[in-house]
Amino acid sequence: MPLYRQVKEWERYGLLTNDKNLSNWVIRAAEDWLLPVYEQMKQTLTAKSVLHVDETYAQIINRSDGKSGQSNAYNWVSRSVPSQGPIIVLFQSALSRSRSVLADFIAGFQGTVICDGYSAYGNLPDVTFANCWAHVRRYWLKADSKNGQIGVDYCDQLYHLERQFKHLSPGKRRKSRQKHSKPIVEKFLKWVDESPFFGKNALAKAAEYTLNRVHGLKAFLFDGRIEIDNNPAENAIRPNVIGRKNWLFSVSEAGAKANAICLSLAETAKANGIDFYQYLVTLMTELPNLPIHQQPEILKNYMPWSKKIQATCAK
């Protein structure tokens, strides 16, 4: 809920305040007590070997780069995969969607990033990229024609198999994909490569999008931990997209950063079956009385998946 609407709500309860006050409280609480938890989550996340990553636009009024407040800022999201332990969802606010922002966001990570076809996803040391079949399917769906439907049908065959493989272990899923999915992928790519799709129409764009990402689209065939698409990241970023329609913008970069920290804790708590309000109460009540800066290992007991939090804050 936007802070200016919360101000009116508090007035009905007899508390006279203003949105600047509330904003400062959110920023201060996020910086002092939630940021250490966020950083511990990020350290755990970047130690994994497969991540979903996506980004969406945002708006920051007072920008340090001198650009207008009407210029797009961005919120990036990274999400871990279920086969590598508890789900972690991490947001980061940035003034751009350049590759340097991505490099900073996942600094220290070595492995595979599952992503869409945006050009920033590439050319990072120790990182490979797996592309999203849902985006491929959308391009062929837009090519509203007989050939477009053929492309969609190939994608649907792969998704039909993925539903069958969903509960397999990564090793068994890789073997099943090699046996059943790989022939479909090879046949599809051969059909696209040999078909005369030229020009600037939707069909040609679908073919170009597909052929430019052949290596990334094949990645899921060789690693059972890699999902066929980036839908988990798109789903993770949806609360930010929906919330943006209410709060519209952040006045400051500090406010945008605090928002990203709060969203990270909220979505990770939700993904791990934790009541976010009870989780916040626990953090705000206990962390100020603990030497978390001198002994950061204490924070492991306050992760949403820890035994302590699972026992006291589960829904």
C-alpha atoms as a PDB file:
ATOM      1  CA  MET A   1       0.000   0.000   0.000  1.00  0.00           C
ATOM      2  CA  PRO A   2       1.435   3.430  -0.935  1.00  0.00           C
ATOM      3  CA  LEU A   3       2.639   5.427   2.049  1.00  0.00           C
ATOM      4  CA  TYR A   4       0.355   8.391   1.332  1.00  0.00           C
ATOM      5  CA  ARG A   5      -2.636   6.054   1.637  1.00  0.00           C
ATOM      6  CA  GLN A   6      -1.247   4.619   4.863  1.00  0.00           C
ATOM      7  CA  VAL A   7      -1.058   8.158   6.258  1.00  0.00           C
ATOM      8  CA  LYS A   8      -4.822   8.532   5.788  1.00  0.00           C
ATOM      9  CA  GLU A   9      -5.396   5.132   7.371  1.00  0.00           C
ATOM     10  CA  TRP A  10      -3.323   6.099  10.420  1.00  0.00           C
ATOM     11  CA  GLU A  11      -5.254   9.364  10.754  1.00  0.00           C
ATOM     12  CA  ARG A  12      -8.424   7.341  11.270  1.00  0.00           C
ATOM     13  CA  TYR A  13      -6.706   5.693  14.243  1.00  0.00           C
ATOM     14  CA  GLY A  14      -5.622   9.031  15.682  1.00  0.00           C
ATOM     15  CA  LEU A  15      -1.944   9.014  14.614  1.00  0.00           C
ATOM     16  CA  LEU A  16      -1.016  12.209  12.790  1.00  0.00           C
ATOM     17  CA  THR A  17       2.017  11.662  10.553  1.00  0.00           C
ATOM     18  CA  ASN A  18       3.030  12.158   6.929  1.00  0.00           C
ATOM     19  CA  ASP A  19       4.381  10.069   4.071  1.00  0.00           C
ATOM     20  CA  LYS A  20       7.903  11.532   4.418  1.00  0.00           C
ATOM     21  CA  ASN A  21       8.016  10.307   8.019  1.00  0.00           C
ATOM     22  CA  LEU A  22       6.850   6.839   7.026  1.00  0.00           C
ATOM     23  CA  SER A  23       9.319   6.746   4.155  1.00  0.00           C
ATOM     24  CA  ASN A  24      12.214   7.587   6.471  1.00  0.00           C
ATOM     25  CA  TRP A  25      11.089   4.871   8.903  1.00  0.00           C
ATOM     26  CA  VAL A  26      10.982   2.270   6.128  1.00  0.00           C
ATOM     27  CA  ILE A  27      14.416   3.299   4.834  1.00  0.00           C
ATOM     28  CA  ARG A  28      15.993   3.326   8.300  1.00  0.00           C
ATOM     29  CA  ALA A  29      14.489  -0.034   9.302  1.00  0.00           C
ATOM     30  CA  ALA A  30      15.573  -1.594   6.006  1.00  0.00           C
ATOM     31  CA  GLU A  31      19.130  -0.262   6.271  1.00  0.00           C
ATOM     32  CA  ASP A  32      19.667  -1.077   9.966  1.00  0.00           C
ATOM     33  CA  TRP A  33      17.922  -4.428  10.417  1.00  0.00           C
ATOM     34  CA  LEU A  34      16.711  -5.913   7.144  1.00  0.00           C
ATOM     35  CA  LEU A  35      19.790  -5.256   4.989  1.00  0.00           C
ATOM     36  CA  PRO A  36      21.999  -7.715   6.952  1.00  0.00           C
ATOM     37  CA  VAL A  37      19.358 -10.422   6.400  1.00  0.00           C
ATOM     38  CA  TYR A  38      19.146  -9.464   2.717  1.00  0.00           C
ATOM     39  CA  GLU A  39      22.928  -9.682   2.309  1.00  0.00           C
ATOM     40  CA  GLN A  40      23.002 -13.106   3.984  1.00  0.00           C
ATOM     41  CA  MET A  41      20.285 -14.239   1.567  1.00  0.00           C
ATOM     42  CA  LYS A  42      22.291 -12.882  -1.369  1.00  0.00           C
ATOM     43  CA  GLN A  43      25.434 -14.698  -0.213  1.00  0.00           C
ATOM     44  CA  THR A  44      23.471 -17.960  -0.092  1.00  0.00           C
ATOM     45  CA  LEU A  45      21.845 -17.280  -3.466  1.00  0.00           C
ATOM     46  CA  THR A  46      25.057 -16.559  -5.365  1.00  0.00           C
ATOM     47  CA  ALA A  47      26.640 -19.751  -3.998  1.00  0.00           C
ATOM     48  CA  LYS A  48      24.148 -21.758  -6.077  1.00  0.00           C
ATOM     49  CA  SER A  49      24.848 -22.822  -9.659  1.00  0.00           C
ATOM     50  CA  VAL A  50      21.499 -22.120 -11.391  1.00  0.00           C
ATOM     51  CA  LEU A  51      19.501 -18.875 -11.168  1.00  0.00           C
ATOM     52  CA  HIS A  52      16.458 -17.341 -12.829  1.00  0.00           C
ATOM     53  CA  VAL A  53      16.925 -13.623 -13.594  1.00  0.00           C
ATOM     54  CA  ASP A  54      14.511 -11.011 -14.940  1.00  0.00           C
ATOM     55  CA  GLU A  55      13.991  -7.262 -14.786  1.00  0.00           C
ATOM     56  CA  THR A  56      11.151  -4.750 -15.027  1.00  0.00           C
ATOM     57  CA  TYR A  57      11.031  -0.987 -15.237  1.00  0.00           C
ATOM     58  CA  ALA A  58      10.437   1.320 -12.260  1.00  0.00           C
ATOM     59  CA  GLN A  59      10.550   5.046 -11.605  1.00  0.00           C
ATOM     60  CA  ILE A  60      12.776   7.042  -9.254  1.00  0.00           C
ATOM     61  CA  ILE A  61      12.138  10.785  -9.070  1.00  0.00           C
ATOM     62  CA  ASN A  62      15.455  12.014  -7.622  1.00  0.00           C
ATOM     63  CA  ARG A  63      18.202  10.250  -9.575  1.00  0.00           C
ATOM     64  CA  SER A  64      21.938  10.556  -8.953  1.00  0.00           C
ATOM     65  CA  ASP A  65      22.783  10.222 -12.662  1.00  0.00           C
ATOM     66  CA  GLY A  66      21.151  13.550 -13.535  1.00  0.00           C
ATOM     67  CA  LYS A  67      18.453  12.015 -15.727  1.00  0.00           C
ATOM     68  CA  SER A  68      14.843  13.075 -15.512  1.00  0.00           C
ATOM     69  CA  GLY A  69      12.575  11.412 -12.993  1.00  0.00           C
ATOM     70  CA  GLN A  70      10.491  10.329 -15.981  1.00  0.00           C
ATOM     71  CA  SER A  71      13.356   8.117 -17.189  1.00  0.00           C
ATOM     72  CA  ASN A  72      13.072   4.397 -16.573  1.00  0.00           C
ATOM     73  CA  ALA A  73      14.823   2.874 -13.605  1.00  0.00           C
ATOM     74  CA  TYR A  74      14.678  -0.897 -13.097  1.00  0.00           C
ATOM     75  CA  ASN A  75      14.067  -3.600 -10.550  1.00  0.00           C
ATOM     76  CA  TRP A  76      15.984  -6.813 -11.143  1.00  0.00           C
ATOM     77  CA  VAL A  77      14.950 -10.115  -9.621  1.00  0.00           C
ATOM     78  CA  SER A  78      16.863 -13.358  -9.163  1.00  0.00           C
ATOM     79  CA  ARG A  79      15.271 -16.614  -8.022  1.00  0.00           C
ATOM     80  CA  SER A  80      16.856 -19.942  -7.129  1.00  0.00           C
ATOM     81  CA  VAL A  81      15.609 -23.302  -8.446  1.00  0.00           C
ATOM     82  CA  PRO A  82      13.812 -25.888  -6.238  1.00  0.00           C
ATOM     83  CA  SER A  83      16.419 -28.610  -6.834  1.00  0.00           C
ATOM     84  CA  GLN A  84      19.068 -26.506  -5.052  1.00  0.00           C
ATOM     85  CA  GLY A  85      17.527 -26.102  -1.643  1.00  0.00           C
ATOM     86  CA  PRO A  86      15.117 -23.490  -0.286  1.00  0.00           C
ATOM     87  CA  ILE A  87      13.754 -20.889  -2.702  1.00  0.00           C
ATOM     88  CA  ILE A  88      15.354 -17.447  -2.461  1.00  0.00           C
ATOM     89  CA  VAL A  89      13.891 -14.431  -4.271  1.00  0.00           C
ATOM     90  CA  LEU A  90      16.133 -11.365  -4.407  1.00  0.00           C
ATOM     91  CA  PHE A  91      15.336  -7.903  -5.813  1.00  0.00           C
ATOM     92  CA  GLN A  92      17.785  -5.126  -6.606  1.00  0.00           C
ATOM     93  CA  SER A  93      16.970  -1.559  -7.631  1.00  0.00           C
ATOM     94  CA  ALA A  94      19.104   0.047 -10.347  1.00  0.00           C
ATOM     95  CA  LEU A  95      19.061   3.096 -12.593  1.00  0.00           C
ATOM     96  CA  SER A  96      19.520   1.029 -15.766  1.00  0.00           C
ATOM     97  CA  ARG A  97      19.235  -2.459 -17.225  1.00  0.00           C
ATOM     98  CA  SER A  98      22.796  -2.604 -18.525  1.00  0.00           C
ATOM     99  CA  ARG A  99      25.071  -5.648 -18.325  1.00  0.00           C
ATOM    100  CA  SER A 100      27.141  -3.951 -15.615  1.00  0.00           C
ATOM    101  CA  VAL A 101      24.083  -3.894 -13.348  1.00  0.00           C
ATOM    102  CA  LEU A 102      23.543  -7.604 -13.948  1.00  0.00           C
ATOM    103  CA  ALA A 103      27.227  -8.282 -13.204  1.00  0.00           C
ATOM    104  CA  ASP A 104      26.922  -6.417  -9.899  1.00  0.00           C
ATOM    105  CA  PHE A 105      23.621  -8.105  -9.056  1.00  0.00           C
ATOM    106  CA  ILE A 106      25.030 -11.636  -9.358  1.00  0.00           C
ATOM    107  CA  ALA A 107      28.637 -10.839  -8.401  1.00  0.00           C
ATOM    108  CA  GLY A 108      30.405 -14.004  -7.268  1.00  0.00           C
ATOM    109  CA  PHE A 109      27.954 -16.327  -8.997  1.00  0.00           C
ATOM    110  CA  GLN A 110      29.331 -19.130 -11.178  1.00  0.00           C
ATOM    111  CA  GLY A 111      26.892 -21.216 -13.165  1.00  0.00           C
ATOM    112  CA  THR A 112      23.872 -20.890 -15.432  1.00  0.00           C
ATOM    113  CA  VAL A 113      21.442 -17.990 -15.606  1.00  0.00           C
ATOM    114  CA  ILE A 114      18.003 -18.747 -17.045  1.00  0.00           C
ATOM    115  CA  CYS A 115      16.752 -15.615 -18.793  1.00  0.00           C
ATOM    116  CA  ASP A 116      14.876 -14.089 -21.708  1.00  0.00           C
ATOM    117  CA  GLY A 117      16.522 -12.907 -24.904  1.00  0.00           C
ATOM    118  CA  TYR A 118      17.564  -9.426 -23.728  1.00  0.00           C
ATOM    119  CA  SER A 119      21.064  -8.530 -24.942  1.00  0.00           C
ATOM    120  CA  ALA A 120      22.453  -7.792 -21.439  1.00  0.00           C
ATOM    121  CA  TYR A 121      22.320 -11.514 -20.723  1.00  0.00           C
ATOM    122  CA  GLY A 122      25.640 -12.571 -22.149  1.00  0.00           C
ATOM    123  CA  ASN A 123      29.414 -12.187 -21.994  1.00  0.00           C
ATOM    124  CA  LEU A 124      29.885 -12.517 -18.242  1.00  0.00           C
ATOM    125  CA  PRO A 125      32.871 -14.490 -16.881  1.00  0.00           C
ATOM    126  CA  ASP A 126      32.022 -17.865 -15.309  1.00  0.00           C
ATOM    127  CA  VAL A 127      28.367 -17.540 -16.367  1.00  0.00           C
ATOM    128  CA  THR A 128      26.478 -19.423 -19.083  1.00  0.00           C
ATOM    129  CA  PHE A 129      22.978 -18.507 -20.212  1.00  0.00           C
ATOM    130  CA  ALA A 130      19.946 -20.691 -20.822  1.00  0.00           C
ATOM    131  CA  ASN A 131      17.168 -19.122 -22.854  1.00  0.00           C
ATOM    132  CA  CYS A 132      13.437 -19.257 -22.256  1.00  0.00           C
ATOM    133  CA  TRP A 133      11.147 -21.424 -24.395  1.00  0.00           C
ATOM    134  CA  ALA A 134       8.066 -19.490 -23.241  1.00  0.00           C
ATOM    135  CA  HIS A 135       9.435 -16.424 -25.062  1.00  0.00           C
ATOM    136  CA  VAL A 136      10.043 -18.520 -28.189  1.00  0.00           C
ATOM    137  CA  ARG A 137       6.477 -19.806 -28.055  1.00  0.00           C
ATOM    138  CA  ARG A 138       5.113 -16.240 -27.737  1.00  0.00           C
ATOM    139  CA  TYR A 139       6.968 -15.156 -30.873  1.00  0.00           C
ATOM    140  CA  TRP A 140       5.508 -18.031 -32.887  1.00  0.00           C
ATOM    141  CA  LEU A 141       2.076 -17.382 -31.422  1.00  0.00           C
ATOM    142  CA  LYS A 142       2.267 -13.768 -32.643  1.00  0.00           C
ATOM    143  CA  ALA A 143       2.965 -15.103 -36.146  1.00  0.00           C
ATOM    144  CA  ASP A 144      -0.735 -15.818 -36.558  1.00  0.00           C
ATOM    145  CA  SER A 145      -0.476 -18.235 -39.478  1.00  0.00           C
ATOM    146  CA  LYS A 146      -0.208 -21.914 -40.385  1.00  0.00           C
ATOM    147  CA  ASN A 147       3.592 -21.843 -39.965  1.00  0.00           C
ATOM    148  CA  GLY A 148       3.244 -19.900 -36.737  1.00  0.00           C
ATOM    149  CA  GLN A 149       1.001 -22.650 -35.382  1.00  0.00           C
ATOM    150  CA  ILE A 150       3.563 -25.270 -36.391  1.00  0.00           C
ATOM    151  CA  GLY A 151       6.144 -23.447 -34.274  1.00  0.00           C
ATOM    152  CA  VAL A 152       3.715 -23.263 -31.347  1.00  0.00           C
ATOM    153  CA  ASP A 153       2.978 -26.987 -31.686  1.00  0.00           C
ATOM    154  CA  TYR A 154       6.678 -27.858 -31.396  1.00  0.00           C
ATOM    155  CA  CYS A 155       6.887 -25.800 -28.185  1.00  0.00           C
ATOM    156  CA  ASP A 156       3.720 -27.406 -26.833  1.00  0.00           C
ATOM    157  CA  GLN A 157       5.205 -30.859 -27.370  1.00  0.00           C
ATOM    158  CA  LEU A 158       8.168 -29.872 -25.188  1.00  0.00           C
ATOM    159  CA  TYR A 159       5.914 -28.474 -22.476  1.00  0.00           C
ATOM    160  CA  HIS A 160       3.798 -31.639 -22.512  1.00  0.00           C
ATOM    161  CA  LEU A 161       6.960 -33.628 -21.781  1.00  0.00           C
ATOM    162  CA  GLU A 162       8.090 -31.178 -19.088  1.00  0.00           C
ATOM    163  CA  ARG A 163       4.852 -31.743 -17.186  1.00  0.00           C
ATOM    164  CA  GLN A 164       5.671 -35.440 -17.159  1.00  0.00           C
ATOM    165  CA  PHE A 165       9.266 -34.816 -16.005  1.00  0.00           C
ATOM    166  CA  LYS A 166       8.382 -32.218 -13.351  1.00  0.00           C
ATOM    167  CA  HIS A 167       8.807 -34.441 -10.305  1.00  0.00           C
ATOM    168  CA  LEU A 168      11.879 -36.325 -11.508  1.00  0.00           C
ATOM    169  CA  SER A 169      15.301 -35.809  -9.944  1.00  0.00           C
ATOM    170  CA  PRO A 170      17.656 -33.587 -11.998  1.00  0.00           C
ATOM    171  CA  GLY A 171      19.615 -36.646 -13.202  1.00  0.00           C
ATOM    172  CA  LYS A 172      16.539 -38.538 -14.340  1.00  0.00           C
ATOM    173  CA  ARG A 173      15.060 -35.415 -15.894  1.00  0.00           C
ATOM    174  CA  ARG A 174      18.213 -34.893 -17.969  1.00  0.00           C
ATOM    175  CA  LYS A 175      18.065 -38.501 -19.236  1.00  0.00           C
ATOM    176  CA  SER A 176      14.370 -38.179 -20.093  1.00  0.00           C
ATOM    177  CA  ARG A 177      14.976 -34.911 -21.926  1.00  0.00           C
ATOM    178  CA  GLN A 178      17.846 -36.443 -23.893  1.00  0.00           C
ATOM    179  CA  LYS A 179      15.635 -39.327 -24.953  1.00  0.00           C
ATOM    180  CA  HIS A 180      12.330 -37.552 -25.623  1.00  0.00           C
ATOM    181  CA  SER A 181      12.842 -33.756 -25.812  1.00  0.00           C
ATOM    182  CA  LYS A 182      16.099 -33.550 -27.754  1.00  0.00           C
ATOM    183  CA  PRO A 183      14.682 -35.085 -30.997  1.00  0.00           C
ATOM    184  CA  ILE A 184      11.819 -32.542 -30.925  1.00  0.00           C
ATOM    185  CA  VAL A 185      14.221 -29.637 -30.398  1.00  0.00           C
ATOM    186  CA  GLU A 186      16.491 -30.799 -33.235  1.00  0.00           C
ATOM    187  CA  LYS A 187      13.538 -31.302 -35.592  1.00  0.00           C
ATOM    188  CA  PHE A 188      12.112 -27.881 -34.710  1.00  0.00           C
ATOM    189  CA  LEU A 189      15.402 -26.026 -35.209  1.00  0.00           C
ATOM    190  CA  LYS A 190      16.018 -27.848 -38.492  1.00  0.00           C
ATOM    191  CA  TRP A 191      12.542 -26.848 -39.701  1.00  0.00           C
ATOM    192  CA  VAL A 192      13.119 -23.194 -38.760  1.00  0.00           C
ATOM    193  CA  ASP A 193      16.577 -23.137 -40.354  1.00  0.00           C
ATOM    194  CA  GLU A 194      15.370 -24.635 -43.645  1.00  0.00           C
ATOM    195  CA  SER A 195      12.153 -22.608 -43.949  1.00  0.00           C
ATOM    196  CA  PRO A 196      12.191 -19.458 -46.116  1.00  0.00           C
ATOM    197  CA  PHE A 197      11.110 -16.949 -43.480  1.00  0.00           C
ATOM    198  CA  PHE A 198      12.369 -13.558 -44.642  1.00  0.00           C
ATOM    199  CA  GLY A 199      11.446  -9.927 -44.124  1.00  0.00           C
ATOM    200  CA  LYS A 200      10.157  -8.011 -41.148  1.00  0.00           C
ATOM    201  CA  ASN A 201       6.885  -9.826 -40.578  1.00  0.00           C
ATOM    202  CA  ALA A 202       6.019 -11.670 -37.361  1.00  0.00           C
ATOM    203  CA  LEU A 203       6.996 -15.037 -38.840  1.00  0.00           C
ATOM    204  CA  ALA A 204      10.466 -13.835 -39.823  1.00  0.00           C
ATOM    205  CA  LYS A 205      10.943 -12.268 -36.384  1.00  0.00           C
ATOM    206  CA  ALA A 206       9.993 -15.555 -34.709  1.00  0.00           C
ATOM    207  CA  ALA A 207      12.493 -17.454 -36.846  1.00  0.00           C
ATOM    208  CA  GLU A 208      15.250 -14.907 -36.225  1.00  0.00           C
ATOM    209  CA  TYR A 209      14.602 -14.888 -32.462  1.00  0.00           C
ATOM    210  CA  THR A 210      14.793 -18.687 -32.365  1.00  0.00           C
ATOM    211  CA  LEU A 211      17.893 -19.143 -34.502  1.00  0.00           C
ATOM    212  CA  ASN A 212      19.816 -16.415 -32.665  1.00  0.00           C
ATOM    213  CA  ARG A 213      19.409 -18.335 -29.398  1.00  0.00           C
ATOM    214  CA  VAL A 214      19.996 -21.933 -30.429  1.00  0.00           C
ATOM    215  CA  HIS A 215      22.741 -22.597 -27.877  1.00  0.00           C
ATOM    216  CA  GLY A 216      20.773 -21.129 -24.972  1.00  0.00           C
ATOM    217  CA  LEU A 217      17.598 -22.934 -25.987  1.00  0.00           C
ATOM    218  CA  LYS A 218      19.380 -26.298 -25.957  1.00  0.00           C
ATOM    219  CA  ALA A 219      20.866 -25.764 -22.477  1.00  0.00           C
ATOM    220  CA  PHE A 220      17.952 -27.378 -20.613  1.00  0.00           C
ATOM    221  CA  LEU A 221      18.580 -30.650 -22.464  1.00  0.00           C
ATOM    222  CA  PHE A 222      21.947 -31.159 -20.781  1.00  0.00           C
ATOM    223  CA  ASP A 223      21.197 -30.176 -17.164  1.00  0.00           C
ATOM    224  CA  GLY A 224      18.150 -31.399 -15.273  1.00  0.00           C
ATOM    225  CA  ARG A 225      18.365 -28.493 -12.833  1.00  0.00           C
ATOM    226  CA  ILE A 226      17.669 -25.979 -15.600  1.00  0.00           C
ATOM    227  CA  GLU A 227      14.001 -25.140 -16.181  1.00  0.00           C
ATOM    228  CA  ILE A 228      12.636 -24.968 -19.729  1.00  0.00           C
ATOM    229  CA  ASP A 229      11.591 -21.333 -19.272  1.00  0.00           C
ATOM    230  CA  ASN A 230      12.044 -18.257 -17.116  1.00  0.00           C
ATOM    231  CA  ASN A 231       8.465 -18.209 -15.828  1.00  0.00           C
ATOM    232  CA  PRO A 232       9.537 -18.585 -12.156  1.00  0.00           C
ATOM    233  CA  ALA A 233      11.407 -15.255 -12.403  1.00  0.00           C
ATOM    234  CA  GLU A 234       8.499 -13.597 -14.207  1.00  0.00           C
ATOM    235  CA  ASN A 235       6.140 -14.849 -11.489  1.00  0.00           C
ATOM    236  CA  ALA A 236       8.539 -13.634  -8.799  1.00  0.00           C
ATOM    237  CA  ILE A 237       8.640 -10.135 -10.263  1.00  0.00           C
ATOM    238  CA  ARG A 238       4.856  -9.896 -10.681  1.00  0.00           C
ATOM    239  CA  PRO A 239       4.190  -8.499  -7.150  1.00  0.00           C
ATOM    240  CA  ASN A 240       6.513  -5.642  -8.037  1.00  0.00           C
ATOM    241  CA  VAL A 241       4.632  -5.005 -11.290  1.00  0.00           C
ATOM    242  CA  ILE A 242       1.256  -5.086  -9.539  1.00  0.00           C
ATOM    243  CA  GLY A 243       2.496  -2.992  -6.629  1.00  0.00           C
ATOM    244  CA  ARG A 244       3.935  -0.409  -9.018  1.00  0.00           C
ATOM    245  CA  LYS A 245       0.397   0.414 -10.158  1.00  0.00           C
ATOM    246  CA  ASN A 246      -0.335   1.501  -6.589  1.00  0.00           C
ATOM    247  CA  TRP A 247       2.823   3.205  -5.380  1.00  0.00           C
ATOM    248  CA  LEU A 248       3.770   4.496  -8.889  1.00  0.00           C
ATOM    249  CA  PHE A 249       7.330   5.602  -8.014  1.00  0.00           C
ATOM    250  CA  SER A 250      10.053   5.972  -5.403  1.00  0.00           C
ATOM    251  CA  VAL A 251      11.098   9.512  -4.554  1.00  0.00           C
ATOM    252  CA  SER A 252      14.720   8.585  -3.775  1.00  0.00           C
ATOM    253  CA  GLU A 253      17.192   5.856  -4.650  1.00  0.00           C
ATOM    254  CA  ALA A 254      17.379   5.026  -0.927  1.00  0.00           C
ATOM    255  CA  GLY A 255      13.624   4.455  -0.941  1.00  0.00           C
ATOM    256  CA  ALA A 256      13.855   2.239  -4.018  1.00  0.00           C
ATOM    257  CA  LYS A 257      16.627   0.204  -2.372  1.00  0.00           C
ATOM    258  CA  ALA A 258      14.572  -0.200   0.818  1.00  0.00           C
ATOM    259  CA  ASN A 259      11.623  -1.300  -1.305  1.00  0.00           C
ATOM    260  CA  ALA A 260      13.786  -3.959  -3.000  1.00  0.00           C
ATOM    261  CA  ILE A 261      15.005  -5.249   0.381  1.00  0.00           C
ATOM    262  CA  CYS A 262      11.457  -5.476   1.764  1.00  0.00           C
ATOM    263  CA  LEU A 263      10.181  -7.204  -1.388  1.00  0.00           C
ATOM    264  CA  SER A 264      13.040  -9.704  -1.204  1.00  0.00           C
ATOM    265  CA  LEU A 265      12.229 -10.698   2.359  1.00  0.00           C
ATOM    266  CA  ALA A 266       8.481 -10.771   1.686  1.00  0.00           C
ATOM    267  CA  GLU A 267       8.678 -12.958  -1.432  1.00  0.00           C
ATOM    268  CA  THR A 268      11.296 -15.305   0.040  1.00  0.00           C
ATOM    269  CA  ALA A 269       9.205 -15.688   3.186  1.00  0.00           C
ATOM    270  CA  LYS A 270       6.145 -16.463   1.076  1.00  0.00           C
ATOM    271  CA  ALA A 271       8.073 -19.003  -1.017  1.00  0.00           C
ATOM    272  CA  ASN A 272       9.123 -20.794   2.180  1.00  0.00           C
ATOM    273  CA  GLY A 273       5.675 -20.872   3.784  1.00  0.00           C
ATOM    274  CA  ILE A 274       6.395 -18.103   6.295  1.00  0.00           C
ATOM    275  CA  ASP A 275       3.935 -15.475   7.564  1.00  0.00           C
ATOM    276  CA  PHE A 276       5.711 -12.268   6.568  1.00  0.00           C
ATOM    277  CA  TYR A 277       4.195 -10.138   9.343  1.00  0.00           C
ATOM    278  CA  GLN A 278       5.268 -12.606  12.048  1.00  0.00           C
ATOM    279  CA  TYR A 279       8.681 -12.813  10.389  1.00  0.00           C
ATOM    280  CA  LEU A 280       9.073  -9.008  10.540  1.00  0.00           C
ATOM    281  CA  VAL A 281       8.001  -8.972  14.194  1.00  0.00           C
ATOM    282  CA  THR A 282      10.653 -11.585  14.988  1.00  0.00           C
ATOM    283  CA  LEU A 283      13.391  -9.719  13.105  1.00  0.00           C
ATOM    284  CA  MET A 284      12.555  -6.311  14.585  1.00  0.00           C
ATOM    285  CA  THR A 285      12.198  -7.702  18.110  1.00  0.00           C
ATOM    286  CA  GLU A 286      15.265  -9.918  18.275  1.00  0.00           C
ATOM    287  CA  LEU A 287      17.946  -8.568  15.896  1.00  0.00           C
ATOM    288  CA  PRO A 288      18.471  -5.224  17.725  1.00  0.00           C
ATOM    289  CA  ASN A 289      19.471  -7.246  20.811  1.00  0.00           C
ATOM    290  CA  LEU A 290      21.972  -9.476  19.008  1.00  0.00           C
ATOM    291  CA  PRO A 291      25.593  -8.791  17.913  1.00  0.00           C
ATOM    292  CA  ILE A 292      24.802  -9.503  14.238  1.00  0.00           C
ATOM    293  CA  HIS A 293      27.541  -7.205  12.928  1.00  0.00           C
ATOM    294  CA  GLN A 294      30.233  -8.803  15.069  1.00  0.00           C
ATOM    295  CA  GLN A 295      28.863 -12.337  14.597  1.00  0.00           C
ATOM    296  CA  PRO A 296      27.077 -12.407  11.204  1.00  0.00           C
ATOM    297  CA  GLU A 297      26.719 -16.193  11.423  1.00  0.00           C
ATOM    298  CA  ILE A 298      23.823 -15.528  13.820  1.00  0.00           C
ATOM    299  CA  LEU A 299      21.785 -14.396  10.818  1.00  0.00           C
ATOM    300  CA  LYS A 300      21.649 -17.964   9.484  1.00  0.00           C
ATOM    301  CA  ASN A 301      19.137 -18.652  12.255  1.00  0.00           C
ATOM    302  CA  TYR A 302      16.927 -15.885  10.863  1.00  0.00           C
ATOM    303  CA  MET A 303      16.675 -17.001   7.253  1.00  0.00           C
ATOM    304  CA  PRO A 304      13.067 -17.823   6.232  1.00  0.00           C
ATOM    305  CA  TRP A 305      14.016 -21.496   5.779  1.00  0.00           C
ATOM    306  CA  SER A 306      15.876 -21.868   9.102  1.00  0.00           C
ATOM    307  CA  LYS A 307      14.499 -24.253  11.742  1.00  0.00           C
ATOM    308  CA  LYS A 308      13.955 -21.370  14.148  1.00  0.00           C
ATOM    309  CA  ILE A 309      11.864 -19.281  11.739  1.00  0.00           C
ATOM    310  CA  GLN A 310      10.030 -22.305  10.372  1.00  0.00           C
ATOM    311  CA  ALA A 311       9.051 -23.236  13.942  1.00  0.00           C
ATOM    312  CA  THR A 312       7.889 -19.761  15.009  1.00  0.00           C
ATOM    313  CA  CYS A 313       6.614 -18.030  11.848  1.00  0.00           C
ATOM    314  CA  ALA A 314       5.097 -20.742   9.663  1.00  0.00           C
ATOM    315  CA  LYS A 315       1.640 -20.003   8.263  1.00  0.00           C
END
